[in-house]
């Protein structure tokens, strides 16, 4: 078992960032949102990604914090889809840059994920969650992004 580190009081660029349980943070290419006094950091979980493994991601993980220094692991909010190699959420798919927002008008969480394919192809997958938390996200649609560009890509 990992010994939890002491609470952090600063950000240390260039150093490995650990959660409050002492495990390396797995929120790659993600984003941070603010919800009801809590910061939520969503990103690609790379804990099982190793060279030659064929695993690009192992779902989307979420962390929460009230101070930007200390992050509690909230677990996988979008688990990998192991049974369907064609699913955009299969671990071999190149999931990239998940972004989650709350739509106050519909009272739903919405997540956009870019899926990079072979030959520089890209698709977009949209997941939607009814209810009070983003842990209930499910795939709403998927569409090709050929010929489109996005800021930051």
N, C-alpha and C. Protein backbone atom coordinates (compact mmCIF):
# COMPACT_ATOMS: atom_id res chain seq x y z
N UNK A 1 0.85 -1.19 0.00
CA UNK A 1 0.00 0.00 0.00
C UNK A 1 0.89 1.25 0.00
N UNK A 2 0.50 2.22 -0.76
CA UNK A 2 1.25 3.46 -0.87
C UNK A 2 0.92 4.37 0.31
N UNK A 3 1.95 4.93 0.90
CA UNK A 3 1.75 5.88 2.00
C UNK A 3 1.32 7.22 1.42
N UNK A 4 0.19 7.75 1.87
CA UNK A 4 -0.25 9.05 1.35
C UNK A 4 0.80 10.12 1.63
N UNK A 5 1.05 10.98 0.65
CA UNK A 5 2.02 12.06 0.86
C UNK A 5 1.41 13.14 1.76
N UNK A 6 2.25 13.98 2.34
CA UNK A 6 1.71 15.09 3.11
C UNK A 6 0.97 16.04 2.18
N UNK A 7 0.02 16.81 2.70
CA UNK A 7 -0.69 17.77 1.85
C UNK A 7 0.29 18.71 1.15
N UNK A 8 -0.02 19.02 -0.10
CA UNK A 8 0.82 19.91 -0.90
C UNK A 8 0.37 21.36 -0.72
N UNK A 9 1.33 22.27 -0.85
CA UNK A 9 1.01 23.70 -0.72
C UNK A 9 1.49 24.48 -1.94
N UNK A 10 1.98 23.76 -2.96
CA UNK A 10 2.43 24.43 -4.18
C UNK A 10 2.42 23.44 -5.33
N UNK A 11 2.45 23.97 -6.55
CA UNK A 11 2.58 23.16 -7.75
C UNK A 11 4.06 23.10 -8.09
N UNK A 12 4.54 21.92 -8.43
CA UNK A 12 5.97 21.73 -8.69
C UNK A 12 6.17 21.29 -10.15
N UNK A 13 6.33 22.24 -11.07
CA UNK A 13 6.51 21.91 -12.47
C UNK A 13 7.66 20.93 -12.69
N UNK A 14 7.43 19.96 -13.59
CA UNK A 14 8.47 19.01 -13.94
C UNK A 14 8.56 17.81 -13.01
N UNK A 15 7.78 17.80 -11.94
CA UNK A 15 7.81 16.67 -11.02
C UNK A 15 6.53 15.85 -11.18
N UNK A 16 6.62 14.55 -10.86
CA UNK A 16 5.44 13.69 -10.90
C UNK A 16 4.44 14.21 -9.88
N UNK A 17 3.17 14.21 -10.29
CA UNK A 17 2.11 14.70 -9.42
C UNK A 17 1.34 13.50 -8.87
N UNK A 18 1.19 13.44 -7.56
CA UNK A 18 0.52 12.32 -6.90
C UNK A 18 -0.81 12.78 -6.32
N UNK A 19 -1.78 11.83 -6.27
CA UNK A 19 -3.07 12.15 -5.66
C UNK A 19 -2.94 12.04 -4.13
N UNK A 20 -4.02 12.28 -3.44
CA UNK A 20 -3.98 12.29 -1.97
C UNK A 20 -3.71 10.91 -1.38
N UNK A 21 -3.85 9.85 -2.17
CA UNK A 21 -3.54 8.49 -1.70
C UNK A 21 -2.10 8.09 -2.04
N UNK A 22 -1.36 8.98 -2.72
CA UNK A 22 0.02 8.69 -3.05
C UNK A 22 0.22 7.99 -4.38
N UNK A 23 -0.83 7.91 -5.21
CA UNK A 23 -0.71 7.30 -6.53
C UNK A 23 -0.53 8.38 -7.59
N UNK A 24 0.23 8.06 -8.63
CA UNK A 24 0.47 8.99 -9.74
C UNK A 24 -0.85 9.39 -10.38
N UNK A 25 -1.04 10.69 -10.62
CA UNK A 25 -2.27 11.17 -11.24
C UNK A 25 -2.31 10.73 -12.69
N UNK A 26 -3.48 10.22 -13.10
CA UNK A 26 -3.71 9.73 -14.47
C UNK A 26 -4.85 10.55 -15.08
N UNK A 27 -4.53 11.73 -15.58
CA UNK A 27 -5.55 12.61 -16.18
C UNK A 27 -4.92 13.34 -17.37
N UNK A 28 -4.38 12.56 -18.30
CA UNK A 28 -3.66 13.12 -19.44
C UNK A 28 -4.60 13.79 -20.44
N UNK A 29 -4.12 14.86 -21.05
CA UNK A 29 -4.86 15.59 -22.10
C UNK A 29 -6.28 15.94 -21.67
N UNK A 30 -6.45 16.28 -20.44
CA UNK A 30 -7.78 16.53 -19.91
C UNK A 30 -8.10 17.99 -19.72
N UNK A 31 -9.04 18.23 -18.86
CA UNK A 31 -9.45 19.59 -18.56
C UNK A 31 -9.92 19.67 -17.12
N UNK A 32 -9.98 20.88 -16.61
CA UNK A 32 -10.44 21.12 -15.25
C UNK A 32 -11.69 21.99 -15.32
N UNK A 33 -12.71 21.58 -14.59
CA UNK A 33 -13.93 22.36 -14.49
C UNK A 33 -14.20 22.67 -13.02
N UNK A 34 -15.04 23.66 -12.79
CA UNK A 34 -15.39 24.08 -11.43
C UNK A 34 -16.87 23.84 -11.23
N UNK A 35 -17.22 23.09 -10.19
CA UNK A 35 -18.61 22.74 -9.95
C UNK A 35 -18.90 22.79 -8.46
N UNK A 36 -19.77 23.70 -8.06
CA UNK A 36 -20.21 23.80 -6.67
C UNK A 36 -19.06 23.84 -5.66
N UNK A 37 -18.06 24.66 -5.93
CA UNK A 37 -16.95 24.82 -5.00
C UNK A 37 -15.85 23.79 -5.11
N UNK A 38 -15.95 22.89 -6.07
CA UNK A 38 -14.95 21.85 -6.24
C UNK A 38 -14.39 21.87 -7.66
N UNK A 39 -13.08 21.73 -7.76
CA UNK A 39 -12.44 21.61 -9.07
C UNK A 39 -12.45 20.13 -9.46
N UNK A 40 -12.81 19.85 -10.71
CA UNK A 40 -12.82 18.48 -11.21
C UNK A 40 -11.87 18.40 -12.40
N UNK A 41 -10.93 17.48 -12.33
CA UNK A 41 -9.92 17.30 -13.36
C UNK A 41 -10.19 15.96 -14.04
N UNK A 42 -10.56 16.00 -15.32
CA UNK A 42 -10.86 14.81 -16.10
C UNK A 42 -9.75 14.60 -17.11
N UNK A 43 -9.39 13.35 -17.35
CA UNK A 43 -8.39 13.09 -18.38
C UNK A 43 -8.23 11.61 -18.67
N UNK A 44 -7.41 11.35 -19.69
CA UNK A 44 -7.14 9.97 -20.11
C UNK A 44 -6.38 9.23 -19.01
N UNK A 45 -6.85 8.05 -18.69
CA UNK A 45 -6.17 7.20 -17.73
C UNK A 45 -5.15 6.35 -18.48
N UNK A 46 -3.87 6.57 -18.23
CA UNK A 46 -2.80 5.88 -18.94
C UNK A 46 -2.10 4.84 -18.06
N UNK A 47 -2.71 4.43 -16.95
CA UNK A 47 -2.02 3.55 -16.02
C UNK A 47 -1.66 2.19 -16.62
N UNK A 48 -2.36 1.74 -17.66
CA UNK A 48 -2.05 0.44 -18.27
C UNK A 48 -1.40 0.60 -19.64
N UNK A 49 -1.08 1.83 -20.03
CA UNK A 49 -0.45 2.08 -21.32
C UNK A 49 1.05 1.85 -21.20
N UNK A 50 1.52 0.85 -21.93
CA UNK A 50 2.95 0.51 -21.95
C UNK A 50 3.36 0.34 -23.41
N UNK A 51 4.60 0.65 -23.77
CA UNK A 51 5.05 0.47 -25.15
C UNK A 51 4.79 -0.97 -25.64
N UNK A 52 4.17 -1.09 -26.80
CA UNK A 52 3.90 -2.39 -27.39
C UNK A 52 2.69 -3.12 -26.85
N UNK A 53 1.98 -2.53 -25.89
CA UNK A 53 0.83 -3.21 -25.28
C UNK A 53 -0.43 -3.12 -26.12
N UNK A 54 -0.48 -2.15 -27.04
CA UNK A 54 -1.71 -1.94 -27.81
C UNK A 54 -2.78 -1.21 -27.03
N UNK A 55 -2.45 -0.80 -25.81
CA UNK A 55 -3.42 -0.06 -24.98
C UNK A 55 -3.06 1.41 -25.03
N UNK A 56 -3.99 2.23 -25.55
CA UNK A 56 -3.80 3.67 -25.63
C UNK A 56 -4.30 4.35 -24.35
N UNK A 57 -5.40 3.84 -23.83
CA UNK A 57 -6.02 4.44 -22.63
C UNK A 57 -6.71 3.34 -21.84
N UNK A 58 -7.05 3.63 -20.61
CA UNK A 58 -7.83 2.73 -19.80
C UNK A 58 -8.97 3.54 -19.17
N UNK A 59 -9.75 4.19 -20.06
CA UNK A 59 -10.88 4.98 -19.61
C UNK A 59 -10.51 6.42 -19.28
N UNK A 60 -11.50 7.13 -18.77
CA UNK A 60 -11.35 8.54 -18.38
C UNK A 60 -11.49 8.59 -16.86
N UNK A 61 -10.49 9.19 -16.22
CA UNK A 61 -10.46 9.25 -14.76
C UNK A 61 -10.75 10.68 -14.31
N UNK A 62 -11.29 10.81 -13.12
CA UNK A 62 -11.62 12.11 -12.54
C UNK A 62 -10.96 12.26 -11.18
N UNK A 63 -10.50 13.48 -10.91
CA UNK A 63 -9.94 13.85 -9.61
C UNK A 63 -10.66 15.11 -9.14
N UNK A 64 -10.77 15.29 -7.84
CA UNK A 64 -11.39 16.51 -7.30
C UNK A 64 -10.45 17.19 -6.31
N UNK A 65 -10.59 18.52 -6.25
CA UNK A 65 -9.74 19.33 -5.36
C UNK A 65 -10.47 20.62 -5.00
N UNK A 66 -10.11 21.18 -3.89
CA UNK A 66 -10.63 22.49 -3.52
C UNK A 66 -9.53 23.55 -3.54
N UNK A 67 -8.26 23.12 -3.82
CA UNK A 67 -7.16 24.07 -3.74
C UNK A 67 -6.15 24.02 -4.90
N UNK A 68 -6.38 23.18 -5.90
CA UNK A 68 -5.49 22.97 -7.05
C UNK A 68 -4.19 22.24 -6.72
N UNK A 69 -3.90 21.98 -5.45
CA UNK A 69 -2.66 21.31 -5.06
C UNK A 69 -2.88 19.85 -4.70
N UNK A 70 -3.98 19.56 -4.05
CA UNK A 70 -4.27 18.23 -3.52
C UNK A 70 -5.48 17.65 -4.24
N UNK A 71 -5.27 16.51 -4.91
CA UNK A 71 -6.29 15.92 -5.78
C UNK A 71 -6.68 14.53 -5.29
N UNK A 72 -7.98 14.36 -5.04
CA UNK A 72 -8.51 13.06 -4.63
C UNK A 72 -9.00 12.30 -5.86
N UNK A 73 -8.63 11.03 -5.96
CA UNK A 73 -9.05 10.18 -7.07
C UNK A 73 -10.52 9.81 -6.89
N UNK A 74 -11.34 10.20 -7.87
CA UNK A 74 -12.77 9.86 -7.85
C UNK A 74 -13.06 8.62 -8.68
N UNK A 75 -12.03 8.04 -9.28
CA UNK A 75 -12.20 6.81 -10.04
C UNK A 75 -12.45 7.04 -11.52
N UNK A 76 -12.70 5.94 -12.21
CA UNK A 76 -13.03 6.00 -13.64
C UNK A 76 -14.45 6.50 -13.79
N UNK A 77 -14.63 7.60 -14.51
CA UNK A 77 -15.99 8.06 -14.77
C UNK A 77 -16.46 7.58 -16.14
N UNK A 78 -15.51 7.21 -17.00
CA UNK A 78 -15.85 6.59 -18.28
C UNK A 78 -14.93 5.37 -18.40
N UNK A 79 -15.45 4.18 -18.12
CA UNK A 79 -14.59 2.99 -18.16
C UNK A 79 -14.30 2.58 -19.60
N UNK A 80 -13.22 1.81 -19.81
CA UNK A 80 -12.95 1.31 -21.16
C UNK A 80 -14.00 0.27 -21.54
N UNK A 81 -14.26 0.16 -22.83
CA UNK A 81 -15.20 -0.83 -23.36
C UNK A 81 -14.37 -2.00 -23.88
N UNK A 82 -14.22 -3.04 -23.06
CA UNK A 82 -13.32 -4.14 -23.39
C UNK A 82 -13.87 -5.11 -24.43
N UNK A 83 -15.18 -5.28 -24.47
CA UNK A 83 -15.78 -6.31 -25.30
C UNK A 83 -15.98 -5.97 -26.76
N UNK A 84 -15.79 -4.71 -27.14
CA UNK A 84 -16.07 -4.31 -28.52
C UNK A 84 -14.89 -3.52 -29.09
N UNK A 85 -14.02 -4.18 -29.90
CA UNK A 85 -12.86 -3.48 -30.46
C UNK A 85 -13.21 -2.29 -31.35
N UNK A 86 -14.46 -2.23 -31.84
CA UNK A 86 -14.88 -1.11 -32.68
C UNK A 86 -15.45 0.05 -31.88
N UNK A 87 -15.65 -0.15 -30.59
CA UNK A 87 -16.18 0.93 -29.74
C UNK A 87 -15.14 2.03 -29.63
N UNK A 88 -15.58 3.30 -29.66
CA UNK A 88 -14.62 4.40 -29.46
C UNK A 88 -13.97 4.37 -28.09
N UNK A 89 -14.53 3.60 -27.16
CA UNK A 89 -13.98 3.54 -25.81
C UNK A 89 -13.13 2.29 -25.57
N UNK A 90 -12.91 1.48 -26.63
CA UNK A 90 -12.04 0.31 -26.49
C UNK A 90 -10.62 0.81 -26.18
N UNK A 91 -9.86 0.10 -25.31
CA UNK A 91 -8.53 0.57 -24.93
C UNK A 91 -7.55 0.80 -26.09
N UNK A 92 -7.75 0.12 -27.22
CA UNK A 92 -6.85 0.31 -28.36
C UNK A 92 -7.18 1.56 -29.17
N UNK A 93 -8.38 2.12 -28.98
CA UNK A 93 -8.75 3.34 -29.69
C UNK A 93 -7.98 4.51 -29.10
N UNK A 94 -7.61 5.43 -29.97
CA UNK A 94 -6.78 6.56 -29.53
C UNK A 94 -7.65 7.72 -29.03
N UNK A 95 -8.22 7.51 -27.85
CA UNK A 95 -9.03 8.53 -27.20
C UNK A 95 -8.14 9.73 -26.88
N UNK A 96 -8.65 10.93 -27.14
CA UNK A 96 -7.84 12.12 -26.93
C UNK A 96 -8.69 13.29 -26.45
N UNK A 97 -8.19 14.00 -25.49
CA UNK A 97 -8.74 15.27 -25.02
C UNK A 97 -10.22 15.23 -24.62
N UNK A 98 -10.57 14.48 -23.60
CA UNK A 98 -11.96 14.50 -23.15
C UNK A 98 -12.30 15.85 -22.52
N UNK A 99 -13.45 16.35 -22.85
CA UNK A 99 -13.92 17.61 -22.28
C UNK A 99 -15.36 17.43 -21.81
N UNK A 100 -15.62 17.74 -20.55
CA UNK A 100 -16.93 17.53 -19.95
C UNK A 100 -17.48 18.86 -19.46
N UNK A 101 -18.73 19.13 -19.80
CA UNK A 101 -19.41 20.34 -19.33
C UNK A 101 -20.79 19.95 -18.82
N UNK A 102 -21.34 20.78 -17.97
CA UNK A 102 -22.72 20.58 -17.50
C UNK A 102 -23.62 21.53 -18.26
N UNK A 103 -24.64 21.00 -18.88
CA UNK A 103 -25.62 21.80 -19.60
C UNK A 103 -26.78 22.08 -18.65
N UNK A 104 -26.84 23.29 -18.13
CA UNK A 104 -27.87 23.65 -17.15
C UNK A 104 -29.28 23.58 -17.75
N UNK A 105 -29.41 23.87 -19.04
CA UNK A 105 -30.73 23.85 -19.69
C UNK A 105 -31.32 22.45 -19.74
N UNK A 106 -30.47 21.44 -20.00
CA UNK A 106 -30.97 20.06 -20.10
C UNK A 106 -30.71 19.27 -18.83
N UNK A 107 -29.92 19.84 -17.91
CA UNK A 107 -29.51 19.16 -16.68
C UNK A 107 -28.76 17.86 -16.99
N UNK A 108 -27.88 17.93 -18.00
CA UNK A 108 -27.09 16.79 -18.41
C UNK A 108 -25.61 17.17 -18.45
N UNK A 109 -24.77 16.18 -18.17
CA UNK A 109 -23.35 16.32 -18.43
C UNK A 109 -23.11 15.86 -19.86
N UNK A 110 -22.25 16.57 -20.57
CA UNK A 110 -21.93 16.23 -21.95
C UNK A 110 -20.41 16.14 -22.06
N UNK A 111 -19.94 15.07 -22.69
CA UNK A 111 -18.51 14.86 -22.87
C UNK A 111 -18.21 14.70 -24.35
N UNK A 112 -17.22 15.45 -24.83
CA UNK A 112 -16.73 15.31 -26.21
C UNK A 112 -15.37 14.66 -26.12
N UNK A 113 -15.17 13.63 -26.96
CA UNK A 113 -13.88 12.96 -27.03
C UNK A 113 -13.48 12.84 -28.49
N UNK A 114 -12.26 13.22 -28.78
CA UNK A 114 -11.72 13.04 -30.12
C UNK A 114 -11.07 11.66 -30.16
N UNK A 115 -11.35 10.90 -31.24
CA UNK A 115 -10.73 9.59 -31.44
C UNK A 115 -9.85 9.70 -32.68
N UNK A 116 -8.54 9.52 -32.49
CA UNK A 116 -7.61 9.60 -33.62
C UNK A 116 -7.49 8.21 -34.22
N UNK A 117 -7.54 8.14 -35.56
CA UNK A 117 -7.44 6.87 -36.23
C UNK A 117 -6.22 6.77 -37.11
N UNK A 118 -6.11 5.64 -37.78
CA UNK A 118 -4.99 5.45 -38.70
C UNK A 118 -5.14 6.39 -39.89
N UNK A 119 -4.01 6.80 -40.47
CA UNK A 119 -4.04 7.67 -41.63
C UNK A 119 -4.54 9.07 -41.33
N UNK A 120 -4.31 9.53 -40.12
CA UNK A 120 -4.69 10.90 -39.71
C UNK A 120 -6.20 11.13 -39.74
N UNK A 121 -7.01 10.09 -39.60
CA UNK A 121 -8.45 10.28 -39.52
C UNK A 121 -8.81 10.61 -38.07
N UNK A 122 -9.91 11.32 -37.91
CA UNK A 122 -10.39 11.66 -36.57
C UNK A 122 -11.90 11.50 -36.55
N UNK A 123 -12.40 11.10 -35.39
CA UNK A 123 -13.83 11.04 -35.16
C UNK A 123 -14.11 11.72 -33.84
N UNK A 124 -15.34 12.09 -33.66
CA UNK A 124 -15.78 12.69 -32.41
C UNK A 124 -16.82 11.76 -31.80
N UNK A 125 -16.70 11.54 -30.52
CA UNK A 125 -17.70 10.78 -29.79
C UNK A 125 -18.27 11.70 -28.72
N UNK A 126 -19.58 11.70 -28.62
CA UNK A 126 -20.27 12.51 -27.61
C UNK A 126 -20.94 11.56 -26.63
N UNK A 127 -20.71 11.81 -25.35
CA UNK A 127 -21.34 11.02 -24.30
C UNK A 127 -22.22 11.95 -23.49
N UNK A 128 -23.35 11.44 -23.02
CA UNK A 128 -24.31 12.26 -22.29
C UNK A 128 -24.69 11.54 -21.00
N UNK A 129 -24.84 12.28 -19.92
CA UNK A 129 -25.28 11.70 -18.65
C UNK A 129 -26.48 12.46 -18.13
N UNK A 130 -27.57 11.75 -17.94
CA UNK A 130 -28.72 12.33 -17.26
C UNK A 130 -28.46 12.26 -15.77
N UNK A 131 -28.99 13.21 -15.03
CA UNK A 131 -28.89 13.11 -13.59
C UNK A 131 -27.87 14.03 -12.96
N UNK A 132 -27.46 13.64 -11.76
CA UNK A 132 -26.68 14.56 -10.93
C UNK A 132 -25.18 14.37 -11.00
N UNK A 133 -24.68 13.38 -11.76
CA UNK A 133 -23.22 13.26 -11.81
C UNK A 133 -22.73 12.75 -13.15
N UNK A 134 -21.50 13.09 -13.45
CA UNK A 134 -20.90 12.74 -14.73
C UNK A 134 -20.49 11.27 -14.79
N UNK A 135 -20.65 10.53 -13.71
CA UNK A 135 -20.28 9.12 -13.72
C UNK A 135 -21.29 8.27 -14.50
N UNK A 136 -22.38 8.83 -14.93
CA UNK A 136 -23.39 8.09 -15.68
C UNK A 136 -23.34 8.39 -17.17
N UNK A 137 -22.16 8.78 -17.68
CA UNK A 137 -22.04 9.13 -19.10
C UNK A 137 -22.24 7.89 -19.98
N UNK A 138 -22.91 8.08 -21.08
CA UNK A 138 -23.10 7.01 -22.06
C UNK A 138 -22.98 7.61 -23.45
N UNK A 139 -22.62 6.78 -24.43
CA UNK A 139 -22.38 7.27 -25.78
C UNK A 139 -23.68 7.71 -26.42
N UNK A 140 -23.70 8.95 -26.90
CA UNK A 140 -24.87 9.51 -27.57
C UNK A 140 -24.69 9.44 -29.08
N UNK A 141 -23.51 9.78 -29.58
CA UNK A 141 -23.30 9.77 -31.02
C UNK A 141 -21.82 9.75 -31.32
N UNK A 142 -21.51 9.42 -32.55
CA UNK A 142 -20.13 9.41 -33.02
C UNK A 142 -20.15 9.88 -34.46
N UNK A 143 -19.24 10.78 -34.82
CA UNK A 143 -19.21 11.26 -36.20
C UNK A 143 -17.79 11.53 -36.64
N UNK A 144 -17.56 11.40 -37.93
CA UNK A 144 -16.25 11.65 -38.48
C UNK A 144 -15.96 13.14 -38.46
N UNK A 145 -14.69 13.48 -38.26
CA UNK A 145 -14.28 14.89 -38.21
C UNK A 145 -13.41 15.25 -39.40
N UNK A 146 -13.50 14.49 -40.48
CA UNK A 146 -12.66 14.74 -41.63
C UNK A 146 -12.83 16.16 -42.16
N UNK A 147 -11.70 16.80 -42.43
CA UNK A 147 -11.74 18.14 -43.01
C UNK A 147 -11.99 19.25 -42.02
N UNK A 148 -12.18 18.93 -40.74
CA UNK A 148 -12.42 19.97 -39.74
C UNK A 148 -11.17 20.17 -38.91
N UNK A 149 -10.95 21.37 -38.46
CA UNK A 149 -9.86 21.65 -37.55
C UNK A 149 -10.41 22.30 -36.29
N UNK A 150 -9.68 22.12 -35.22
CA UNK A 150 -10.11 22.64 -33.94
C UNK A 150 -8.96 23.36 -33.27
N UNK A 151 -9.21 24.46 -32.59
CA UNK A 151 -8.14 25.18 -31.91
C UNK A 151 -7.40 24.25 -30.95
N UNK A 152 -6.10 24.30 -31.00
CA UNK A 152 -5.29 23.49 -30.10
C UNK A 152 -4.92 22.13 -30.64
N UNK A 153 -5.51 21.71 -31.75
CA UNK A 153 -5.18 20.39 -32.33
C UNK A 153 -4.07 20.49 -33.34
